[in-house]
Amino acid sequence: MEKNRNRKMNSIKDASFHRRNIKKSSTSSNHLLEIMQESSQLPTDEQITVLANFMSQIVQACVEGSSEFMTPTTANVFFQFIRHHARLTLGEMLSAIHVLVTVLRKCQEKNDNTLGVDNIGTALVCIFIVSLKFLRDIQNHNPWWAETFKMNLETINESEIIILQLMDWKLWTSDKNFIHFYSRVFKV
């Protein structure tokens, strides 16, 4: 319990440090500054469109057979749903997509076929759960996600652990990598 509190306190300190460093960075854009300065900023429809296009391209490129259901339109609906029900900020969505990219890369590096067309939807929900648990002190718990997405709680719990194992239990990213990723998604 004490270790969890210390980790959360460190993540708060890291988030504050992260915001200060991005503000000072000469490579950051005005959009990135807005994301990091306004922690309650929900993404606009235009930003969701960009995120949806990026996510659908990444999933289609890495998960064989996913192009039939992982389209920009379905990704957009997913992000709209998440924004409305979980109140995710643009920074949180961007962080979750970064986790997705990392998970897909780790699967390729490990020659691991865990993620496929039959479970990518569950994986996406769990990636958002894991990301929010890392980013927020108070987050929605797994039963809320299960009810909201009409999913089996046990499946969510097991999938969450699988996602973390695929990532070698490492979610943190450096300021430089976050700025680079933001630039890659928003092409700034």
N, C-alpha and C. Protein backbone atom coordinates (compact mmCIF):
# COMPACT_ATOMS: atom_id res chain seq x y z
N MET A 1 0.83 -1.18 0.00
CA MET A 1 0.00 0.00 0.00
C MET A 1 0.88 1.25 0.00
N GLU A 2 1.88 1.25 0.87
CA GLU A 2 2.79 2.39 0.95
C GLU A 2 3.54 2.59 -0.36
N LYS A 3 3.95 1.49 -0.99
CA LYS A 3 4.66 1.59 -2.27
C LYS A 3 3.76 2.21 -3.33
N ASN A 4 2.48 1.84 -3.34
CA ASN A 4 1.52 2.42 -4.30
C ASN A 4 1.39 3.92 -4.10
N ARG A 5 1.30 4.34 -2.84
CA ARG A 5 1.20 5.79 -2.56
C ARG A 5 2.46 6.50 -3.03
N ASN A 6 3.62 5.91 -2.75
CA ASN A 6 4.87 6.53 -3.18
C ASN A 6 4.94 6.62 -4.69
N ARG A 7 4.51 5.55 -5.40
CA ARG A 7 4.51 5.57 -6.86
C ARG A 7 3.58 6.66 -7.38
N LYS A 8 2.39 6.78 -6.77
CA LYS A 8 1.45 7.81 -7.19
C LYS A 8 2.02 9.19 -6.93
N MET A 9 2.65 9.38 -5.78
CA MET A 9 3.25 10.68 -5.47
C MET A 9 4.35 10.99 -6.48
N ASN A 10 5.16 9.99 -6.79
CA ASN A 10 6.21 10.20 -7.78
C ASN A 10 5.62 10.50 -9.15
N SER A 11 4.51 9.86 -9.50
CA SER A 11 3.90 10.13 -10.80
C SER A 11 3.35 11.55 -10.84
N ILE A 12 2.83 12.04 -9.70
CA ILE A 12 2.37 13.43 -9.64
C ILE A 12 3.54 14.37 -9.83
N LYS A 13 4.64 14.08 -9.12
CA LYS A 13 5.84 14.91 -9.27
C LYS A 13 6.35 14.85 -10.70
N ASP A 14 6.37 13.64 -11.28
CA ASP A 14 6.82 13.48 -12.66
C ASP A 14 5.93 14.25 -13.62
N ALA A 15 4.61 14.22 -13.38
CA ALA A 15 3.69 14.95 -14.27
C ALA A 15 3.93 16.44 -14.18
N SER A 16 4.16 16.95 -12.97
CA SER A 16 4.46 18.38 -12.83
C SER A 16 5.78 18.72 -13.49
N PHE A 17 6.77 17.89 -13.29
CA PHE A 17 8.07 18.07 -13.92
C PHE A 17 7.92 18.02 -15.43
N HIS A 18 7.11 17.05 -15.89
CA HIS A 18 6.85 16.87 -17.32
C HIS A 18 6.24 18.15 -17.90
N ARG A 19 5.25 18.73 -17.21
CA ARG A 19 4.62 19.96 -17.69
C ARG A 19 5.62 21.11 -17.74
N ARG A 20 6.41 21.26 -16.69
CA ARG A 20 7.37 22.37 -16.66
C ARG A 20 8.40 22.23 -17.77
N ASN A 21 8.91 21.04 -17.98
CA ASN A 21 9.93 20.84 -19.00
C ASN A 21 9.38 21.05 -20.40
N ILE A 22 8.16 20.64 -20.64
CA ILE A 22 7.58 20.84 -21.96
C ILE A 22 7.37 22.32 -22.21
N LYS A 23 6.97 23.06 -21.19
CA LYS A 23 6.80 24.50 -21.36
C LYS A 23 8.11 25.15 -21.77
N LYS A 24 9.22 24.64 -21.28
CA LYS A 24 10.53 25.22 -21.56
C LYS A 24 11.12 24.72 -22.88
N SER A 25 10.62 23.62 -23.39
CA SER A 25 11.20 22.99 -24.57
C SER A 25 11.04 23.83 -25.81
N SER A 26 12.10 24.02 -26.55
CA SER A 26 12.02 24.81 -27.77
C SER A 26 11.37 24.02 -28.90
N THR A 27 11.26 22.70 -28.78
CA THR A 27 10.67 21.89 -29.84
C THR A 27 9.16 21.72 -29.67
N SER A 28 8.61 22.18 -28.57
CA SER A 28 7.18 21.98 -28.35
C SER A 28 6.36 23.01 -29.13
N SER A 29 5.18 22.59 -29.56
CA SER A 29 4.30 23.48 -30.31
C SER A 29 3.27 24.08 -29.37
N ASN A 30 2.53 25.05 -29.89
CA ASN A 30 1.47 25.66 -29.07
C ASN A 30 0.43 24.63 -28.67
N HIS A 31 0.13 23.69 -29.57
CA HIS A 31 -0.85 22.65 -29.25
C HIS A 31 -0.39 21.81 -28.08
N LEU A 32 0.85 21.43 -28.06
CA LEU A 32 1.37 20.61 -26.97
C LEU A 32 1.37 21.39 -25.67
N LEU A 33 1.72 22.67 -25.74
CA LEU A 33 1.68 23.49 -24.53
C LEU A 33 0.26 23.54 -23.97
N GLU A 34 -0.72 23.69 -24.84
CA GLU A 34 -2.11 23.71 -24.39
C GLU A 34 -2.49 22.41 -23.70
N ILE A 35 -2.07 21.29 -24.27
CA ILE A 35 -2.40 19.99 -23.69
C ILE A 35 -1.83 19.88 -22.29
N MET A 36 -0.59 20.25 -22.13
CA MET A 36 0.07 20.05 -20.85
C MET A 36 -0.33 21.12 -19.82
N GLN A 37 -0.67 22.33 -20.27
CA GLN A 37 -1.05 23.38 -19.33
C GLN A 37 -2.48 23.21 -18.84
N GLU A 38 -3.36 22.74 -19.70
CA GLU A 38 -4.78 22.60 -19.36
C GLU A 38 -5.10 21.12 -19.18
N SER A 39 -4.94 20.64 -17.97
CA SER A 39 -5.10 19.22 -17.73
C SER A 39 -6.54 18.75 -17.85
N SER A 40 -7.50 19.67 -17.86
CA SER A 40 -8.90 19.26 -17.97
C SER A 40 -9.44 19.43 -19.39
N GLN A 41 -8.59 19.76 -20.33
CA GLN A 41 -9.03 20.01 -21.70
C GLN A 41 -9.47 18.72 -22.39
N LEU A 42 -10.75 18.66 -22.72
CA LEU A 42 -11.23 17.53 -23.50
C LEU A 42 -10.87 17.77 -24.96
N PRO A 43 -10.60 16.71 -25.69
CA PRO A 43 -10.23 16.89 -27.10
C PRO A 43 -11.40 17.40 -27.92
N THR A 44 -11.09 18.21 -28.91
CA THR A 44 -12.10 18.70 -29.84
C THR A 44 -12.44 17.59 -30.83
N ASP A 45 -13.50 17.77 -31.58
CA ASP A 45 -13.86 16.80 -32.61
C ASP A 45 -12.75 16.67 -33.64
N GLU A 46 -12.11 17.77 -33.98
CA GLU A 46 -11.01 17.74 -34.95
C GLU A 46 -9.82 16.95 -34.42
N GLN A 47 -9.50 17.13 -33.15
CA GLN A 47 -8.40 16.38 -32.55
C GLN A 47 -8.73 14.90 -32.47
N ILE A 48 -9.99 14.59 -32.17
CA ILE A 48 -10.40 13.18 -32.13
C ILE A 48 -10.28 12.57 -33.51
N THR A 49 -10.60 13.31 -34.54
CA THR A 49 -10.46 12.81 -35.91
C THR A 49 -9.00 12.47 -36.21
N VAL A 50 -8.09 13.33 -35.80
CA VAL A 50 -6.67 13.07 -36.01
C VAL A 50 -6.24 11.83 -35.25
N LEU A 51 -6.64 11.73 -33.98
CA LEU A 51 -6.30 10.56 -33.17
C LEU A 51 -6.88 9.28 -33.77
N ALA A 52 -8.12 9.35 -34.24
CA ALA A 52 -8.78 8.18 -34.82
C ALA A 52 -8.08 7.73 -36.09
N ASN A 53 -7.71 8.67 -36.94
CA ASN A 53 -6.99 8.32 -38.17
C ASN A 53 -5.66 7.67 -37.85
N PHE A 54 -4.94 8.24 -36.89
CA PHE A 54 -3.64 7.70 -36.51
C PHE A 54 -3.79 6.29 -35.93
N MET A 55 -4.73 6.13 -34.99
CA MET A 55 -4.89 4.83 -34.34
C MET A 55 -5.33 3.77 -35.35
N SER A 56 -6.24 4.10 -36.23
CA SER A 56 -6.70 3.09 -37.19
C SER A 56 -5.56 2.68 -38.12
N GLN A 57 -4.73 3.62 -38.53
CA GLN A 57 -3.59 3.29 -39.39
C GLN A 57 -2.61 2.37 -38.67
N ILE A 58 -2.31 2.68 -37.41
CA ILE A 58 -1.36 1.88 -36.63
C ILE A 58 -1.90 0.46 -36.43
N VAL A 59 -3.15 0.35 -36.03
CA VAL A 59 -3.73 -0.98 -35.78
C VAL A 59 -3.79 -1.77 -37.08
N GLN A 60 -4.23 -1.14 -38.15
CA GLN A 60 -4.31 -1.84 -39.44
C GLN A 60 -2.94 -2.34 -39.89
N ALA A 61 -1.91 -1.54 -39.63
CA ALA A 61 -0.56 -1.92 -40.04
C ALA A 61 0.02 -3.06 -39.20
N CYS A 62 -0.42 -3.17 -37.97
CA CYS A 62 0.20 -4.14 -37.04
C CYS A 62 -0.66 -5.35 -36.72
N VAL A 63 -1.96 -5.27 -36.92
CA VAL A 63 -2.85 -6.38 -36.58
C VAL A 63 -3.50 -6.87 -37.87
N GLU A 64 -3.03 -8.02 -38.31
CA GLU A 64 -3.51 -8.58 -39.57
C GLU A 64 -5.03 -8.80 -39.54
N GLY A 65 -5.69 -8.36 -40.60
CA GLY A 65 -7.13 -8.56 -40.73
C GLY A 65 -7.98 -7.53 -40.01
N SER A 66 -7.37 -6.50 -39.42
CA SER A 66 -8.13 -5.53 -38.63
C SER A 66 -8.74 -4.41 -39.48
N SER A 67 -8.38 -4.33 -40.74
CA SER A 67 -8.84 -3.20 -41.57
C SER A 67 -10.35 -3.21 -41.79
N GLU A 68 -10.99 -4.36 -41.62
CA GLU A 68 -12.44 -4.41 -41.82
C GLU A 68 -13.21 -3.73 -40.69
N PHE A 69 -12.68 -3.76 -39.48
CA PHE A 69 -13.41 -3.15 -38.38
C PHE A 69 -12.69 -1.98 -37.73
N MET A 70 -11.38 -1.87 -37.90
CA MET A 70 -10.65 -0.74 -37.31
C MET A 70 -10.46 0.32 -38.39
N THR A 71 -11.51 1.07 -38.62
CA THR A 71 -11.49 2.14 -39.61
C THR A 71 -11.40 3.47 -38.87
N PRO A 72 -11.08 4.54 -39.58
CA PRO A 72 -11.11 5.85 -38.92
C PRO A 72 -12.48 6.16 -38.30
N THR A 73 -13.53 5.70 -38.95
CA THR A 73 -14.88 5.96 -38.43
C THR A 73 -15.12 5.21 -37.12
N THR A 74 -14.77 3.93 -37.06
CA THR A 74 -14.99 3.18 -35.82
C THR A 74 -14.07 3.67 -34.70
N ALA A 75 -12.85 4.06 -35.05
CA ALA A 75 -11.93 4.62 -34.05
C ALA A 75 -12.49 5.94 -33.53
N ASN A 76 -13.06 6.74 -34.41
CA ASN A 76 -13.65 8.02 -34.02
C ASN A 76 -14.80 7.79 -33.04
N VAL A 77 -15.66 6.82 -33.34
CA VAL A 77 -16.78 6.50 -32.44
C VAL A 77 -16.24 6.07 -31.08
N PHE A 78 -15.19 5.25 -31.07
CA PHE A 78 -14.57 4.81 -29.82
C PHE A 78 -14.08 6.01 -29.01
N PHE A 79 -13.36 6.93 -29.66
CA PHE A 79 -12.84 8.11 -28.95
C PHE A 79 -13.96 9.02 -28.46
N GLN A 80 -14.99 9.19 -29.26
CA GLN A 80 -16.13 10.01 -28.84
C GLN A 80 -16.78 9.40 -27.60
N PHE A 81 -16.94 8.08 -27.61
CA PHE A 81 -17.53 7.37 -26.49
C PHE A 81 -16.67 7.55 -25.24
N ILE A 82 -15.37 7.36 -25.38
CA ILE A 82 -14.42 7.51 -24.26
C ILE A 82 -14.46 8.95 -23.73
N ARG A 83 -14.44 9.91 -24.64
CA ARG A 83 -14.46 11.32 -24.21
C ARG A 83 -15.73 11.59 -23.40
N HIS A 84 -16.85 11.10 -23.89
CA HIS A 84 -18.13 11.38 -23.23
C HIS A 84 -18.26 10.65 -21.89
N HIS A 85 -17.96 9.37 -21.85
CA HIS A 85 -18.21 8.58 -20.65
C HIS A 85 -17.08 8.64 -19.62
N ALA A 86 -15.84 8.65 -20.06
CA ALA A 86 -14.72 8.64 -19.11
C ALA A 86 -14.08 10.01 -18.94
N ARG A 87 -14.52 10.98 -19.76
CA ARG A 87 -14.01 12.35 -19.66
C ARG A 87 -12.49 12.41 -19.80
N LEU A 88 -11.96 11.67 -20.77
CA LEU A 88 -10.53 11.67 -21.01
C LEU A 88 -10.10 12.97 -21.68
N THR A 89 -8.99 13.49 -21.23
CA THR A 89 -8.43 14.68 -21.84
C THR A 89 -7.65 14.30 -23.09
N LEU A 90 -7.28 15.29 -23.85
CA LEU A 90 -6.48 15.05 -25.05
C LEU A 90 -5.15 14.42 -24.67
N GLY A 91 -4.52 14.92 -23.63
CA GLY A 91 -3.24 14.36 -23.18
C GLY A 91 -3.37 12.90 -22.76
N GLU A 92 -4.47 12.57 -22.09
CA GLU A 92 -4.69 11.18 -21.67
C GLU A 92 -4.92 10.27 -22.87
N MET A 93 -5.69 10.75 -23.84
CA MET A 93 -5.91 9.94 -25.05
C MET A 93 -4.62 9.74 -25.81
N LEU A 94 -3.85 10.80 -25.92
CA LEU A 94 -2.57 10.72 -26.61
C LEU A 94 -1.63 9.75 -25.89
N SER A 95 -1.62 9.79 -24.57
CA SER A 95 -0.79 8.85 -23.80
C SER A 95 -1.24 7.42 -24.00
N ALA A 96 -2.55 7.19 -24.05
CA ALA A 96 -3.06 5.84 -24.26
C ALA A 96 -2.68 5.33 -25.66
N ILE A 97 -2.74 6.19 -26.65
CA ILE A 97 -2.34 5.77 -27.99
C ILE A 97 -0.84 5.47 -28.02
N HIS A 98 -0.08 6.23 -27.26
CA HIS A 98 1.35 5.95 -27.17
C HIS A 98 1.58 4.57 -26.55
N VAL A 99 0.79 4.22 -25.53
CA VAL A 99 0.88 2.88 -24.95
C VAL A 99 0.51 1.82 -25.98
N LEU A 100 -0.54 2.08 -26.76
CA LEU A 100 -0.93 1.14 -27.82
C LEU A 100 0.21 0.90 -28.79
N VAL A 101 0.85 1.97 -29.24
CA VAL A 101 1.96 1.84 -30.17
C VAL A 101 3.09 1.04 -29.53
N THR A 102 3.36 1.30 -28.26
CA THR A 102 4.40 0.57 -27.55
C THR A 102 4.05 -0.92 -27.44
N VAL A 103 2.79 -1.23 -27.12
CA VAL A 103 2.37 -2.63 -27.01
C VAL A 103 2.53 -3.33 -28.36
N LEU A 104 2.09 -2.68 -29.43
CA LEU A 104 2.21 -3.28 -30.76
C LEU A 104 3.67 -3.50 -31.15
N ARG A 105 4.52 -2.53 -30.82
CA ARG A 105 5.95 -2.67 -31.11
C ARG A 105 6.57 -3.80 -30.30
N LYS A 106 6.20 -3.89 -29.02
CA LYS A 106 6.73 -4.96 -28.16
C LYS A 106 6.29 -6.33 -28.67
N CYS A 107 5.05 -6.42 -29.14
CA CYS A 107 4.57 -7.70 -29.70
C CYS A 107 5.41 -8.10 -30.90
N GLN A 108 5.73 -7.13 -31.75
CA GLN A 108 6.56 -7.43 -32.92
C GLN A 108 7.97 -7.84 -32.49
N GLU A 109 8.55 -7.10 -31.55
CA GLU A 109 9.90 -7.40 -31.08
C GLU A 109 9.98 -8.80 -30.46
N LYS A 110 8.95 -9.18 -29.73
CA LYS A 110 8.93 -10.46 -29.03
C LYS A 110 8.35 -11.58 -29.89
N ASN A 111 7.97 -11.23 -31.12
CA ASN A 111 7.30 -12.19 -32.01
C ASN A 111 6.11 -12.83 -31.28
N ASP A 112 5.34 -11.97 -30.62
CA ASP A 112 4.21 -12.38 -29.79
C ASP A 112 2.91 -12.08 -30.54
N ASN A 113 2.09 -13.09 -30.74
CA ASN A 113 0.83 -12.93 -31.47
C ASN A 113 -0.37 -12.80 -30.54
N THR A 114 -0.15 -12.30 -29.35
CA THR A 114 -1.23 -12.18 -28.38
C THR A 114 -2.36 -11.31 -28.90
N LEU A 115 -2.01 -10.18 -29.52
CA LEU A 115 -3.03 -9.27 -30.03
C LEU A 115 -3.41 -9.67 -31.44
N GLY A 116 -4.71 -9.80 -31.64
CA GLY A 116 -5.22 -10.15 -32.96
C GLY A 116 -6.60 -9.54 -33.17
N VAL A 117 -7.19 -9.85 -34.31
CA VAL A 117 -8.50 -9.28 -34.62
C VAL A 117 -9.57 -9.69 -33.61
N ASP A 118 -9.41 -10.84 -33.00
CA ASP A 118 -10.42 -11.32 -32.07
C ASP A 118 -10.38 -10.63 -30.70
N ASN A 119 -9.27 -9.93 -30.38
CA ASN A 119 -9.18 -9.32 -29.06
C ASN A 119 -8.67 -7.88 -29.05
N ILE A 120 -8.53 -7.26 -30.21
CA ILE A 120 -7.98 -5.90 -30.24
C ILE A 120 -8.91 -4.90 -29.55
N GLY A 121 -10.21 -5.12 -29.62
CA GLY A 121 -11.15 -4.23 -28.93
C GLY A 121 -10.97 -4.28 -27.42
N THR A 122 -10.85 -5.48 -26.88
CA THR A 122 -10.60 -5.65 -25.45
C THR A 122 -9.26 -5.02 -25.09
N ALA A 123 -8.27 -5.24 -25.94
CA ALA A 123 -6.94 -4.68 -25.69
C ALA A 123 -6.99 -3.15 -25.64
N LEU A 124 -7.75 -2.55 -26.55
CA LEU A 124 -7.85 -1.08 -26.57
C LEU A 124 -8.46 -0.55 -25.27
N VAL A 125 -9.54 -1.17 -24.83
CA VAL A 125 -10.16 -0.75 -23.57
C VAL A 125 -9.16 -0.90 -22.43
N CYS A 126 -8.44 -2.02 -22.38
CA CYS A 126 -7.47 -2.25 -21.30
C CYS A 126 -6.29 -1.29 -21.38
N ILE A 127 -5.89 -0.92 -22.57
CA ILE A 127 -4.81 0.06 -22.72
C ILE A 127 -5.23 1.41 -22.14
N PHE A 128 -6.47 1.78 -22.37
CA PHE A 128 -6.96 3.03 -21.78
C PHE A 128 -7.05 2.91 -20.26
N ILE A 129 -7.48 1.76 -19.76
CA ILE A 129 -7.54 1.55 -18.31
C ILE A 129 -6.14 1.69 -17.70
N VAL A 130 -5.18 0.99 -18.28
CA VAL A 130 -3.81 1.00 -17.76
C VAL A 130 -3.23 2.42 -17.81
N SER A 131 -3.47 3.11 -18.91
CA SER A 131 -2.96 4.48 -19.05
C SER A 131 -3.54 5.40 -17.99
N LEU A 132 -4.84 5.30 -17.78
CA LEU A 132 -5.47 6.18 -16.78
C LEU A 132 -5.04 5.84 -15.37
N LYS A 133 -4.83 4.58 -15.09
CA LYS A 133 -4.34 4.21 -13.76
C LYS A 133 -2.95 4.80 -13.52
N PHE A 134 -2.18 4.91 -14.58
CA PHE A 134 -0.84 5.49 -14.47
C PHE A 134 -0.92 7.01 -14.34
N LEU A 135 -1.86 7.63 -15.04
CA LEU A 135 -1.91 9.09 -15.12
C LEU A 135 -2.74 9.76 -14.02
N ARG A 136 -3.77 9.10 -13.55
CA ARG A 136 -4.71 9.73 -12.61
C ARG A 136 -4.57 9.14 -11.21
N ASP A 137 -4.75 10.00 -10.23
CA ASP A 137 -4.79 9.52 -8.85
C ASP A 137 -6.14 8.86 -8.57
N ILE A 138 -7.19 9.43 -9.14
CA ILE A 138 -8.52 8.86 -8.97
C ILE A 138 -9.03 8.53 -10.36
N GLN A 139 -9.32 7.27 -10.58
CA GLN A 139 -9.76 6.83 -11.90
C GLN A 139 -10.97 5.91 -11.76
N ASN A 140 -11.58 5.65 -12.89
CA ASN A 140 -12.67 4.68 -12.89
C ASN A 140 -12.07 3.29 -12.68
N HIS A 141 -12.74 2.50 -11.87
CA HIS A 141 -12.25 1.16 -11.59
C HIS A 141 -12.74 0.18 -12.65
N ASN A 142 -12.12 -0.98 -12.70
CA ASN A 142 -12.44 -1.97 -13.72
C ASN A 142 -13.92 -2.34 -13.80
N PRO A 143 -14.65 -2.45 -12.69
CA PRO A 143 -16.09 -2.74 -12.82
C PRO A 143 -16.83 -1.65 -13.61
N TRP A 144 -16.43 -0.40 -13.45
CA TRP A 144 -17.05 0.68 -14.22
C TRP A 144 -16.80 0.47 -15.71
N TRP A 145 -15.56 0.14 -16.08
CA TRP A 145 -15.23 -0.09 -17.48
C TRP A 145 -16.02 -1.28 -18.03
N ALA A 146 -16.11 -2.34 -17.23
CA ALA A 146 -16.84 -3.53 -17.67
C ALA A 146 -18.31 -3.19 -17.93
N GLU A 147 -18.90 -2.44 -17.04
CA GLU A 147 -20.30 -2.07 -17.21
C GLU A 147 -20.48 -1.11 -18.39
N THR A 148 -19.61 -0.13 -18.50
CA THR A 148 -19.72 0.88 -19.56
C THR A 148 -19.56 0.26 -20.94
N PHE A 149 -18.62 -0.67 -21.08
CA PHE A 149 -18.37 -1.30 -22.38
C PHE A 149 -19.07 -2.65 -22.53
N LYS A 150 -19.89 -3.01 -21.55
CA LYS A 150 -20.63 -4.28 -21.60
C LYS A 150 -19.67 -5.45 -21.82
N MET A 151 -18.62 -5.47 -20.98
CA MET A 151 -17.59 -6.51 -21.07
C MET A 151 -17.55 -7.31 -19.78
N ASN A 152 -16.98 -8.48 -19.86
CA ASN A 152 -16.80 -9.34 -18.71
C ASN A 152 -15.67 -8.79 -17.84
N LEU A 153 -15.93 -8.59 -16.56
CA LEU A 153 -14.93 -8.03 -15.65
C LEU A 153 -13.68 -8.90 -15.56
N GLU A 154 -13.85 -10.20 -15.49
CA GLU A 154 -12.70 -11.10 -15.41
C GLU A 154 -11.82 -10.97 -16.65
N THR A 155 -12.44 -10.81 -17.81
CA THR A 155 -11.69 -10.63 -19.05
C THR A 155 -10.87 -9.35 -19.00
N ILE A 156 -11.49 -8.29 -18.50
CA ILE A 156 -10.77 -7.01 -18.37
C ILE A 156 -9.60 -7.17 -17.42
N ASN A 157 -9.81 -7.77 -16.27
CA ASN A 157 -8.74 -7.93 -15.29
C ASN A 157 -7.58 -8.74 -15.86
N GLU A 158 -7.88 -9.85 -16.52
CA GLU A 158 -6.83 -10.69 -17.10
C GLU A 158 -6.12 -9.97 -18.25
N SER A 159 -6.89 -9.27 -19.07
CA SER A 159 -6.30 -8.57 -20.22
C SER A 159 -5.40 -7.42 -19.78
N GLU A 160 -5.79 -6.77 -18.70
CA GLU A 160 -4.98 -5.68 -18.17
C GLU A 160 -3.58 -6.20 -17.78
N ILE A 161 -3.53 -7.32 -17.15
CA ILE A 161 -2.24 -7.90 -16.75
C ILE A 161 -1.44 -8.31 -17.98
N ILE A 162 -2.10 -8.86 -18.98
CA ILE A 162 -1.40 -9.24 -20.22
C ILE A 162 -0.80 -8.02 -20.89
N ILE A 163 -1.56 -6.93 -20.94
CA ILE A 163 -1.05 -5.68 -21.55
C ILE A 163 0.19 -5.22 -20.78
N LEU A 164 0.12 -5.21 -19.48
CA LEU A 164 1.27 -4.77 -18.66
C LEU A 164 2.47 -5.70 -18.86
N GLN A 165 2.24 -6.98 -18.97
CA GLN A 165 3.33 -7.92 -19.21
C GLN A 165 3.96 -7.67 -20.58
N LEU A 166 3.12 -7.44 -21.58
CA LEU A 166 3.66 -7.15 -22.92
C LEU A 166 4.55 -5.91 -22.89
N MET A 167 4.19 -4.95 -22.03
CA MET A 167 4.97 -3.72 -21.93
C MET A 167 6.12 -3.83 -20.94
N ASP A 168 6.34 -5.01 -20.41
CA ASP A 168 7.36 -5.22 -19.38
C ASP A 168 7.12 -4.33 -18.16
N TRP A 169 5.85 -4.02 -17.90
CA TRP A 169 5.40 -3.24 -16.76
C TRP A 169 5.95 -1.82 -16.77
N LYS A 170 6.31 -1.29 -17.94
CA LYS A 170 6.90 0.05 -18.03
C LYS A 170 5.98 0.95 -18.86
N LEU A 171 5.41 1.97 -18.20
CA LEU A 171 4.51 2.89 -18.87
C LEU A 171 5.10 4.28 -19.05
N TRP A 172 6.08 4.63 -18.26
CA TRP A 172 6.64 5.97 -18.29
C TRP A 172 7.33 6.23 -19.62
N THR A 173 7.23 7.47 -20.10
CA THR A 173 7.97 7.90 -21.28
C THR A 173 8.62 9.24 -20.98
N SER A 174 9.72 9.49 -21.61
CA SER A 174 10.44 10.74 -21.38
C SER A 174 9.72 11.90 -22.06
N ASP A 175 10.05 13.11 -21.63
CA ASP A 175 9.48 14.30 -22.26
C ASP A 175 9.80 14.33 -23.75
N LYS A 176 11.02 14.01 -24.07
CA LYS A 176 11.46 14.04 -25.47
C LYS A 176 10.64 13.06 -26.31
N ASN A 177 10.43 11.84 -25.80
CA ASN A 177 9.64 10.86 -26.54
C ASN A 177 8.18 11.28 -26.67
N PHE A 178 7.63 11.88 -25.62
CA PHE A 178 6.24 12.34 -25.67
C PHE A 178 6.09 13.45 -26.70
N ILE A 179 7.01 14.39 -26.72
CA ILE A 179 6.97 15.48 -27.71
C ILE A 179 7.11 14.92 -29.12
N HIS A 180 8.03 13.99 -29.29
CA HIS A 180 8.20 13.36 -30.60
C HIS A 180 6.93 12.64 -31.04
N PHE A 181 6.31 11.90 -30.12
CA PHE A 181 5.09 11.16 -30.44
C PHE A 181 3.96 12.12 -30.79
N TYR A 182 3.79 13.18 -30.01
CA TYR A 182 2.77 14.18 -30.29
C TYR A 182 2.98 14.76 -31.69
N SER A 183 4.22 15.08 -32.01
CA SER A 183 4.53 15.64 -33.34
C SER A 183 4.22 14.64 -34.44
N ARG A 184 4.46 13.39 -34.17
CA ARG A 184 4.18 12.33 -35.16
C ARG A 184 2.66 12.21 -35.40
N VAL A 185 1.88 12.27 -34.34
CA VAL A 185 0.43 12.12 -34.48
C VAL A 185 -0.19 13.35 -35.15
N PHE A 186 0.19 14.52 -34.67
CA PHE A 186 -0.42 15.76 -35.17
C PHE A 186 0.38 16.41 -36.30
N LYS A 187 1.48 15.76 -36.67
CA LYS A 187 2.32 16.22 -37.80
C LYS A 187 2.67 17.71 -37.70
N VAL A 188 3.21 18.07 -36.53
CA VAL A 188 3.64 19.45 -36.30
C VAL A 188 5.14 19.54 -36.23
